[in-house]
Amino acid sequence: MTIRGSLDGLLGSATERGDVPGVAALVTNREGVVYEAAFGERVLGGDMAMSTDTVVWLASMTKAIAGAAAMQLVEQGKLSLDAPAGNLIPELAAVQVLQGFDADETPILRTPKSPVTLRHLLTHTAGFGYDTWHEPIKRFAKVAKI
């Protein structure tokens, strides 16, 4: 089976099973586009078919795109996975670690044991969190008014 046949089968069956209402895919290499197709509906229960030019909300998929772009720059020697990310983004050189709160609810912060790196950022091990899922970060955001 060809790559086109495999991808058509995979993506087409995902929409037929209802795993996703619609999907558009594009695969490229250095020579250009090697695969382009769309399956399913633009809106679940709608009558408009998904197309390769349908505008969609990527949400967390931006992480995959940014990660792929960063790794291409690593391959080209333009970025290092283990250099301090603060060299490129000064705010990352100034991050602090939340250790807790004192009796007055003042955050207790300390300097990280090592600088944040691109490797940390790409593997989600830089120590950043969401106030939605972590009560101490929620408390910090409230006190810091962020």
N, C-alpha and C. Protein backbone atom coordinates (compact mmCIF):
# COMPACT_ATOMS: atom_id res chain seq x y z
N MET A 1 0.85 -1.19 0.00
CA MET A 1 0.00 0.00 0.00
C MET A 1 0.89 1.24 0.00
N THR A 2 0.47 2.26 -0.70
CA THR A 2 1.23 3.50 -0.78
C THR A 2 1.03 4.34 0.48
N ILE A 3 1.90 5.32 0.67
CA ILE A 3 1.73 6.24 1.80
C ILE A 3 0.40 6.96 1.67
N ARG A 4 0.05 7.38 0.45
CA ARG A 4 -1.23 8.05 0.24
C ARG A 4 -2.38 7.13 0.65
N GLY A 5 -2.33 5.89 0.23
CA GLY A 5 -3.38 4.94 0.59
C GLY A 5 -3.46 4.72 2.09
N SER A 6 -2.30 4.60 2.74
CA SER A 6 -2.27 4.40 4.18
C SER A 6 -2.85 5.59 4.93
N LEU A 7 -2.42 6.79 4.54
CA LEU A 7 -2.93 7.99 5.22
C LEU A 7 -4.40 8.22 4.92
N ASP A 8 -4.81 8.02 3.68
CA ASP A 8 -6.22 8.14 3.35
C ASP A 8 -7.06 7.18 4.19
N GLY A 9 -6.59 5.95 4.32
CA GLY A 9 -7.32 4.96 5.11
C GLY A 9 -7.38 5.34 6.58
N LEU A 10 -6.26 5.77 7.14
CA LEU A 10 -6.19 6.16 8.55
C LEU A 10 -7.09 7.35 8.84
N LEU A 11 -6.93 8.41 8.07
CA LEU A 11 -7.69 9.64 8.33
C LEU A 11 -9.16 9.49 7.96
N GLY A 12 -9.41 8.83 6.84
CA GLY A 12 -10.80 8.61 6.44
C GLY A 12 -11.57 7.76 7.43
N SER A 13 -10.94 6.70 7.92
CA SER A 13 -11.63 5.84 8.89
C SER A 13 -11.83 6.54 10.23
N ALA A 14 -10.92 7.45 10.59
CA ALA A 14 -11.09 8.19 11.85
C ALA A 14 -12.34 9.06 11.80
N THR A 15 -12.62 9.66 10.65
CA THR A 15 -13.83 10.48 10.53
C THR A 15 -15.07 9.60 10.42
N GLU A 16 -14.95 8.48 9.72
CA GLU A 16 -16.09 7.56 9.58
C GLU A 16 -16.50 6.98 10.93
N ARG A 17 -15.53 6.66 11.78
CA ARG A 17 -15.82 6.11 13.11
C ARG A 17 -16.34 7.18 14.07
N GLY A 18 -16.14 8.44 13.73
CA GLY A 18 -16.56 9.52 14.62
C GLY A 18 -15.49 9.91 15.63
N ASP A 19 -14.25 9.44 15.44
CA ASP A 19 -13.17 9.84 16.34
C ASP A 19 -12.95 11.35 16.26
N VAL A 20 -13.06 11.89 15.08
CA VAL A 20 -12.97 13.33 14.83
C VAL A 20 -14.02 13.69 13.79
N PRO A 21 -14.60 14.89 13.88
CA PRO A 21 -15.60 15.26 12.86
C PRO A 21 -14.96 15.51 11.51
N GLY A 22 -13.78 16.10 11.52
CA GLY A 22 -13.09 16.38 10.27
C GLY A 22 -11.60 16.51 10.49
N VAL A 23 -10.84 16.28 9.43
CA VAL A 23 -9.40 16.37 9.51
C VAL A 23 -8.85 16.82 8.17
N ALA A 24 -7.82 17.66 8.24
CA ALA A 24 -7.08 18.07 7.04
C ALA A 24 -5.62 17.80 7.33
N ALA A 25 -4.89 17.27 6.36
CA ALA A 25 -3.49 16.93 6.57
C ALA A 25 -2.66 17.37 5.38
N LEU A 26 -1.43 17.76 5.70
CA LEU A 26 -0.49 18.17 4.67
C LEU A 26 0.88 17.67 5.11
N VAL A 27 1.58 16.99 4.22
CA VAL A 27 2.92 16.48 4.51
C VAL A 27 3.85 17.04 3.44
N THR A 28 4.97 17.59 3.89
CA THR A 28 5.94 18.14 2.96
C THR A 28 7.33 17.60 3.26
N ASN A 29 8.19 17.74 2.30
CA ASN A 29 9.62 17.50 2.50
C ASN A 29 10.36 18.61 1.76
N ARG A 30 11.65 18.47 1.59
CA ARG A 30 12.43 19.52 0.94
C ARG A 30 11.99 19.80 -0.49
N GLU A 31 11.43 18.80 -1.13
CA GLU A 31 11.01 18.97 -2.53
C GLU A 31 9.63 19.61 -2.65
N GLY A 32 8.84 19.60 -1.59
CA GLY A 32 7.52 20.20 -1.64
C GLY A 32 6.46 19.31 -1.01
N VAL A 33 5.22 19.51 -1.40
CA VAL A 33 4.09 18.77 -0.85
C VAL A 33 4.11 17.34 -1.37
N VAL A 34 4.03 16.37 -0.44
CA VAL A 34 3.98 14.97 -0.84
C VAL A 34 2.63 14.33 -0.51
N TYR A 35 1.82 15.02 0.31
CA TYR A 35 0.49 14.49 0.62
C TYR A 35 -0.39 15.65 1.06
N GLU A 36 -1.61 15.66 0.57
CA GLU A 36 -2.59 16.68 0.97
C GLU A 36 -3.97 16.08 0.80
N ALA A 37 -4.76 16.10 1.88
CA ALA A 37 -6.11 15.54 1.81
C ALA A 37 -6.96 16.07 2.96
N ALA A 38 -8.26 15.93 2.82
CA ALA A 38 -9.20 16.32 3.88
C ALA A 38 -10.34 15.31 3.90
N PHE A 39 -10.87 15.07 5.10
CA PHE A 39 -11.96 14.10 5.29
C PHE A 39 -12.93 14.64 6.32
N GLY A 40 -14.17 14.21 6.21
CA GLY A 40 -15.17 14.56 7.21
C GLY A 40 -15.81 15.91 6.99
N GLU A 41 -16.36 16.45 8.10
CA GLU A 41 -17.13 17.69 8.04
C GLU A 41 -16.40 18.82 8.75
N ARG A 42 -16.67 20.04 8.31
CA ARG A 42 -16.10 21.21 8.98
C ARG A 42 -16.71 21.38 10.37
N VAL A 43 -17.99 21.13 10.48
CA VAL A 43 -18.72 21.24 11.74
C VAL A 43 -19.51 19.96 11.92
N LEU A 44 -19.40 19.34 13.08
CA LEU A 44 -20.12 18.10 13.35
C LEU A 44 -21.62 18.30 13.12
N GLY A 45 -22.18 17.47 12.28
CA GLY A 45 -23.60 17.57 11.95
C GLY A 45 -23.90 18.59 10.87
N GLY A 46 -22.87 19.23 10.35
CA GLY A 46 -23.05 20.24 9.30
C GLY A 46 -23.06 19.59 7.94
N ASP A 47 -23.25 20.42 6.95
CA ASP A 47 -23.30 19.88 5.59
C ASP A 47 -22.12 20.34 4.74
N MET A 48 -21.13 21.00 5.36
CA MET A 48 -19.96 21.44 4.60
C MET A 48 -18.80 20.48 4.86
N ALA A 49 -18.24 19.99 3.79
CA ALA A 49 -17.11 19.06 3.91
C ALA A 49 -15.85 19.79 4.35
N MET A 50 -15.02 19.10 5.09
CA MET A 50 -13.70 19.62 5.44
C MET A 50 -12.90 19.72 4.15
N SER A 51 -12.08 20.76 4.05
CA SER A 51 -11.22 20.91 2.88
C SER A 51 -9.82 21.27 3.37
N THR A 52 -8.87 21.19 2.48
CA THR A 52 -7.48 21.47 2.88
C THR A 52 -7.26 22.95 3.18
N ASP A 53 -8.20 23.80 2.82
CA ASP A 53 -8.05 25.22 3.15
C ASP A 53 -9.02 25.67 4.24
N THR A 54 -9.63 24.72 4.94
CA THR A 54 -10.51 25.06 6.05
C THR A 54 -9.69 25.68 7.18
N VAL A 55 -10.15 26.80 7.70
CA VAL A 55 -9.47 27.45 8.83
C VAL A 55 -9.96 26.79 10.11
N VAL A 56 -9.02 26.33 10.94
CA VAL A 56 -9.37 25.65 12.18
C VAL A 56 -8.62 26.26 13.34
N TRP A 57 -9.08 26.00 14.53
CA TRP A 57 -8.43 26.45 15.76
C TRP A 57 -7.42 25.37 16.16
N LEU A 58 -6.16 25.71 16.26
CA LEU A 58 -5.12 24.73 16.56
C LEU A 58 -5.00 24.44 18.06
N ALA A 59 -5.30 25.38 18.92
CA ALA A 59 -5.19 25.22 20.37
C ALA A 59 -3.82 24.67 20.74
N SER A 60 -3.75 23.59 21.46
CA SER A 60 -2.47 23.07 21.93
C SER A 60 -1.59 22.49 20.83
N MET A 61 -2.06 22.41 19.63
CA MET A 61 -1.24 21.91 18.54
C MET A 61 -0.10 22.87 18.21
N THR A 62 -0.18 24.11 18.69
CA THR A 62 0.93 25.03 18.45
C THR A 62 2.21 24.51 19.10
N LYS A 63 2.08 23.74 20.17
CA LYS A 63 3.26 23.16 20.82
C LYS A 63 4.00 22.22 19.86
N ALA A 64 3.28 21.42 19.13
CA ALA A 64 3.91 20.49 18.19
C ALA A 64 4.60 21.25 17.06
N ILE A 65 3.97 22.29 16.58
CA ILE A 65 4.55 23.08 15.49
C ILE A 65 5.80 23.81 15.98
N ALA A 66 5.70 24.45 17.14
CA ALA A 66 6.86 25.16 17.69
C ALA A 66 7.99 24.19 18.01
N GLY A 67 7.65 23.01 18.53
CA GLY A 67 8.66 22.00 18.83
C GLY A 67 9.39 21.52 17.59
N ALA A 68 8.64 21.27 16.53
CA ALA A 68 9.26 20.82 15.27
C ALA A 68 10.17 21.91 14.71
N ALA A 69 9.71 23.15 14.76
CA ALA A 69 10.54 24.27 14.27
C ALA A 69 11.80 24.41 15.11
N ALA A 70 11.67 24.29 16.43
CA ALA A 70 12.85 24.40 17.31
C ALA A 70 13.84 23.28 17.02
N MET A 71 13.35 22.07 16.80
CA MET A 71 14.27 20.96 16.52
C MET A 71 14.96 21.13 15.17
N GLN A 72 14.29 21.74 14.22
CA GLN A 72 14.96 22.02 12.95
C GLN A 72 16.11 23.00 13.17
N LEU A 73 15.90 24.00 14.03
CA LEU A 73 16.96 24.96 14.35
C LEU A 73 18.10 24.29 15.11
N VAL A 74 17.77 23.31 15.96
CA VAL A 74 18.81 22.54 16.66
C VAL A 74 19.62 21.76 15.63
N GLU A 75 18.94 21.10 14.70
CA GLU A 75 19.64 20.35 13.64
C GLU A 75 20.57 21.24 12.83
N GLN A 76 20.16 22.46 12.60
CA GLN A 76 20.96 23.40 11.83
C GLN A 76 22.07 24.06 12.66
N GLY A 77 22.12 23.76 13.95
CA GLY A 77 23.14 24.34 14.81
C GLY A 77 22.85 25.77 15.24
N LYS A 78 21.64 26.23 15.03
CA LYS A 78 21.27 27.61 15.38
C LYS A 78 20.74 27.72 16.80
N LEU A 79 20.33 26.61 17.39
CA LEU A 79 19.87 26.56 18.78
C LEU A 79 20.52 25.36 19.45
N SER A 80 20.65 25.45 20.77
CA SER A 80 21.16 24.32 21.56
C SER A 80 20.08 23.87 22.51
N LEU A 81 19.93 22.57 22.66
CA LEU A 81 18.94 22.05 23.60
C LEU A 81 19.32 22.35 25.05
N ASP A 82 20.61 22.48 25.33
CA ASP A 82 21.04 22.57 26.72
C ASP A 82 21.63 23.92 27.14
N ALA A 83 21.62 24.90 26.25
CA ALA A 83 22.07 26.24 26.62
C ALA A 83 20.94 26.93 27.40
N PRO A 84 21.28 27.83 28.29
CA PRO A 84 20.23 28.56 29.02
C PRO A 84 19.30 29.30 28.05
N ALA A 85 18.01 29.05 28.17
CA ALA A 85 17.02 29.70 27.30
C ALA A 85 16.97 31.20 27.57
N GLY A 86 17.43 31.61 28.74
CA GLY A 86 17.48 33.03 29.07
C GLY A 86 18.42 33.81 28.17
N ASN A 87 19.34 33.13 27.48
CA ASN A 87 20.20 33.81 26.52
C ASN A 87 19.40 34.37 25.35
N LEU A 88 18.27 33.71 25.05
CA LEU A 88 17.41 34.15 23.94
C LEU A 88 16.20 34.92 24.43
N ILE A 89 15.67 34.51 25.57
CA ILE A 89 14.48 35.15 26.15
C ILE A 89 14.85 35.58 27.57
N PRO A 90 15.25 36.84 27.74
CA PRO A 90 15.76 37.29 29.04
C PRO A 90 14.85 37.00 30.24
N GLU A 91 13.54 37.00 30.03
CA GLU A 91 12.62 36.71 31.13
C GLU A 91 12.85 35.32 31.71
N LEU A 92 13.32 34.39 30.89
CA LEU A 92 13.55 33.03 31.39
C LEU A 92 14.80 32.95 32.27
N ALA A 93 15.68 33.94 32.17
CA ALA A 93 16.86 33.97 33.04
C ALA A 93 16.48 34.46 34.44
N ALA A 94 15.31 35.06 34.56
CA ALA A 94 14.89 35.64 35.84
C ALA A 94 13.82 34.82 36.55
N VAL A 95 13.49 33.62 36.05
CA VAL A 95 12.44 32.83 36.70
C VAL A 95 12.86 32.44 38.11
N GLN A 96 11.87 32.25 38.95
CA GLN A 96 12.08 31.82 40.33
C GLN A 96 11.24 30.58 40.57
N VAL A 97 11.64 29.80 41.56
CA VAL A 97 10.92 28.59 41.95
C VAL A 97 10.06 28.91 43.17
N LEU A 98 8.80 28.56 43.11
CA LEU A 98 7.89 28.75 44.23
C LEU A 98 8.08 27.61 45.22
N GLN A 99 8.56 27.94 46.41
CA GLN A 99 8.77 26.92 47.44
C GLN A 99 7.59 26.79 48.39
N GLY A 100 6.80 27.81 48.48
CA GLY A 100 5.66 27.80 49.39
C GLY A 100 5.29 29.22 49.77
N PHE A 101 4.64 29.35 50.93
CA PHE A 101 4.17 30.65 51.40
C PHE A 101 4.48 30.78 52.87
N ASP A 102 4.76 32.00 53.30
CA ASP A 102 4.97 32.22 54.73
C ASP A 102 3.61 32.42 55.39
N ALA A 103 3.61 32.72 56.68
CA ALA A 103 2.36 32.85 57.44
C ALA A 103 1.47 33.97 56.92
N ASP A 104 2.06 34.97 56.27
CA ASP A 104 1.29 36.09 55.72
C ASP A 104 0.86 35.87 54.27
N GLU A 105 1.04 34.65 53.78
CA GLU A 105 0.71 34.30 52.40
C GLU A 105 1.65 34.96 51.39
N THR A 106 2.81 35.41 51.85
CA THR A 106 3.82 35.94 50.93
C THR A 106 4.54 34.76 50.30
N PRO A 107 4.65 34.74 48.98
CA PRO A 107 5.33 33.62 48.33
C PRO A 107 6.80 33.53 48.75
N ILE A 108 7.27 32.32 48.95
CA ILE A 108 8.68 32.06 49.22
C ILE A 108 9.27 31.55 47.92
N LEU A 109 10.18 32.35 47.36
CA LEU A 109 10.78 32.04 46.06
C LEU A 109 12.27 31.79 46.22
N ARG A 110 12.82 30.99 45.32
CA ARG A 110 14.27 30.76 45.30
C ARG A 110 14.74 30.69 43.85
N THR A 111 16.03 30.84 43.68
CA THR A 111 16.65 30.71 42.37
C THR A 111 16.64 29.24 41.97
N PRO A 112 16.38 28.94 40.71
CA PRO A 112 16.41 27.53 40.27
C PRO A 112 17.82 26.94 40.43
N LYS A 113 17.89 25.64 40.60
CA LYS A 113 19.18 24.96 40.73
C LYS A 113 19.95 24.96 39.42
N SER A 114 19.23 25.05 38.31
CA SER A 114 19.88 25.14 36.99
C SER A 114 19.01 26.04 36.12
N PRO A 115 19.61 26.65 35.11
CA PRO A 115 18.82 27.52 34.22
C PRO A 115 17.85 26.72 33.36
N VAL A 116 16.77 27.38 32.99
CA VAL A 116 15.79 26.78 32.07
C VAL A 116 16.45 26.65 30.70
N THR A 117 16.30 25.48 30.08
CA THR A 117 16.86 25.22 28.76
C THR A 117 15.75 24.91 27.76
N LEU A 118 16.10 24.91 26.50
CA LEU A 118 15.15 24.52 25.47
C LEU A 118 14.68 23.08 25.70
N ARG A 119 15.60 22.22 26.14
CA ARG A 119 15.22 20.83 26.44
C ARG A 119 14.12 20.79 27.50
N HIS A 120 14.27 21.60 28.56
CA HIS A 120 13.23 21.67 29.60
C HIS A 120 11.90 22.13 29.01
N LEU A 121 11.97 23.17 28.18
CA LEU A 121 10.74 23.72 27.61
C LEU A 121 10.04 22.71 26.70
N LEU A 122 10.80 22.00 25.88
CA LEU A 122 10.21 21.04 24.94
C LEU A 122 9.68 19.79 25.62
N THR A 123 10.27 19.43 26.76
CA THR A 123 9.84 18.22 27.46
C THR A 123 8.92 18.53 28.65
N HIS A 124 8.52 19.79 28.77
CA HIS A 124 7.61 20.23 29.84
C HIS A 124 8.18 19.93 31.22
N THR A 125 9.51 20.11 31.37
CA THR A 125 10.16 19.89 32.67
C THR A 125 10.81 21.17 33.19
N ALA A 126 10.37 22.32 32.68
CA ALA A 126 10.93 23.60 33.10
C ALA A 126 10.34 24.06 34.43
N GLY A 127 9.28 23.41 34.89
CA GLY A 127 8.68 23.78 36.16
C GLY A 127 7.50 24.71 36.07
N PHE A 128 7.10 25.06 34.87
CA PHE A 128 5.94 25.93 34.72
C PHE A 128 4.66 25.11 34.92
N GLY A 129 3.64 25.75 35.43
CA GLY A 129 2.38 25.04 35.67
C GLY A 129 1.20 25.94 35.37
N TYR A 130 0.03 25.39 35.61
CA TYR A 130 -1.22 26.09 35.36
C TYR A 130 -1.94 26.31 36.68
N ASP A 131 -2.43 27.53 36.87
CA ASP A 131 -3.16 27.81 38.11
C ASP A 131 -4.48 27.05 38.17
N THR A 132 -4.95 26.59 37.03
CA THR A 132 -6.19 25.82 36.99
C THR A 132 -6.04 24.47 37.70
N TRP A 133 -4.84 23.88 37.61
CA TRP A 133 -4.65 22.52 38.10
C TRP A 133 -3.76 22.41 39.32
N HIS A 134 -3.20 23.52 39.78
CA HIS A 134 -2.25 23.42 40.89
C HIS A 134 -2.54 24.55 41.88
N GLU A 135 -3.04 24.18 43.04
CA GLU A 135 -3.47 25.17 44.03
C GLU A 135 -2.38 26.16 44.43
N PRO A 136 -1.13 25.73 44.68
CA PRO A 136 -0.10 26.73 45.03
C PRO A 136 0.13 27.77 43.93
N ILE A 137 0.07 27.36 42.68
CA ILE A 137 0.25 28.32 41.59
C ILE A 137 -0.96 29.26 41.52
N LYS A 138 -2.12 28.74 41.81
CA LYS A 138 -3.33 29.57 41.86
C LYS A 138 -3.18 30.62 42.96
N ARG A 139 -2.69 30.21 44.13
CA ARG A 139 -2.46 31.16 45.23
C ARG A 139 -1.42 32.20 44.84
N PHE A 140 -0.34 31.76 44.19
CA PHE A 140 0.72 32.68 43.76
C PHE A 140 0.17 33.70 42.77
N ALA A 141 -0.61 33.25 41.80
CA ALA A 141 -1.17 34.14 40.78
C ALA A 141 -2.06 35.20 41.42
N LYS A 142 -2.80 34.81 42.45
CA LYS A 142 -3.68 35.74 43.14
C LYS A 142 -2.85 36.79 43.88
N VAL A 143 -1.84 36.38 44.61
CA VAL A 143 -0.98 37.30 45.37
C VAL A 143 -0.19 38.20 44.43
N ALA A 144 0.36 37.62 43.35
CA ALA A 144 1.18 38.38 42.41
C ALA A 144 0.35 39.18 41.42
N LYS A 145 -0.97 38.98 41.47
CA LYS A 145 -1.91 39.66 40.57
C LYS A 145 -1.54 39.47 39.11
N ILE A 146 -1.32 38.19 38.76
CA ILE A 146 -1.02 37.87 37.36
C ILE A 146 -2.10 36.99 36.77
